């Protein structure tokens, strides 16, 4: 499966409140054995609200993007 630029970022995988791993989708998939499709589902708002104690994939924001947004006010 090919991952487009939308997904080409660093992510953190949690199982409930427990941190599991961090990396790109490919790295997380390789480390955990979870398919790329499942990882994408874990990042969706629907999944987080309907399964709050389940797995969650959180995008790690780039510091430069945050600094740009902060200074643009």
Protein backbone atom coordinates (compact mmCIF):
# COMPACT_ATOMS: atom_id res chain seq x y z
CA UNK A 1 0.00 0.00 0.00
CA UNK A 2 1.28 3.45 -0.90
CA UNK A 3 0.99 6.25 1.63
CA UNK A 4 0.49 9.72 0.14
CA UNK A 5 1.96 12.97 1.48
CA UNK A 6 -1.00 13.52 3.80
CA UNK A 7 0.22 10.57 5.86
CA UNK A 8 3.96 11.16 5.44
CA UNK A 9 4.52 12.62 8.94
CA UNK A 10 5.55 11.40 12.36
CA UNK A 11 2.83 9.79 14.43
CA UNK A 12 2.49 8.47 17.99
CA UNK A 13 0.48 5.31 18.66
CA UNK A 14 -1.32 4.91 21.97
CA UNK A 15 -3.30 2.03 23.40
CA UNK A 16 -5.65 3.76 25.79
CA UNK A 17 -3.41 6.02 27.88
CA UNK A 18 -0.29 3.90 27.26
CA UNK A 19 2.29 5.09 24.71
CA UNK A 20 3.19 2.29 22.28
CA UNK A 21 5.57 3.73 19.68
CA UNK A 22 6.32 6.70 17.46
CA UNK A 23 7.42 7.07 13.82
CA UNK A 24 6.07 7.14 10.29
CA UNK A 25 3.12 4.93 9.36
CA UNK A 26 5.51 2.44 7.76
CA UNK A 27 7.72 2.32 10.87
CA UNK A 28 4.78 1.89 13.22
CA UNK A 29 3.28 -0.81 11.00
CA UNK A 30 6.60 -2.67 10.85
CA UNK A 31 7.16 -2.39 14.62
CA UNK A 32 3.64 -3.42 15.69
CA UNK A 33 2.41 -5.61 12.83
CA UNK A 34 -0.69 -3.39 12.46
CA UNK A 35 -1.76 -2.79 8.85
CA UNK A 36 -1.51 0.69 7.32
CA UNK A 37 -5.28 0.73 6.79
CA UNK A 38 -5.90 0.04 10.49
CA UNK A 39 -3.44 2.74 11.52
CA UNK A 40 -5.27 5.26 9.36
CA UNK A 41 -8.56 4.30 11.01
CA UNK A 42 -7.02 4.87 14.47
CA UNK A 43 -6.27 8.49 13.49
CA UNK A 44 -9.90 9.36 12.68
CA UNK A 45 -12.02 11.44 15.03
CA UNK A 46 -14.87 8.91 14.78
CA UNK A 47 -12.64 6.13 16.08
CA UNK A 48 -11.34 8.27 18.96
CA UNK A 49 -14.83 9.27 20.10
CA UNK A 50 -16.45 5.83 19.75
CA UNK A 51 -13.50 3.86 21.16
CA UNK A 52 -11.92 6.25 23.70
CA UNK A 53 -9.96 3.49 25.48
CA UNK A 54 -8.82 1.82 22.26
CA UNK A 55 -5.86 2.52 20.04
CA UNK A 56 -5.28 6.08 18.86
CA UNK A 57 -2.86 7.48 16.30
CA UNK A 58 -1.87 11.09 16.99
CA UNK A 59 0.02 13.24 14.48
CA UNK A 60 3.19 14.81 15.85
CA UNK A 61 3.21 18.49 14.88
CA UNK A 62 6.31 20.12 13.47
CA UNK A 63 7.83 22.77 15.78
CA UNK A 64 8.48 25.08 12.83
CA UNK A 65 4.81 25.03 11.84
CA UNK A 66 3.82 25.85 15.42
CA UNK A 67 6.30 28.73 15.61
CA UNK A 68 5.04 30.11 12.29
CA UNK A 69 1.42 30.01 13.49
CA UNK A 70 2.36 31.53 16.84
CA UNK A 71 4.24 34.45 15.32
CA UNK A 72 1.59 35.17 12.71
CA UNK A 73 -0.76 36.77 15.26
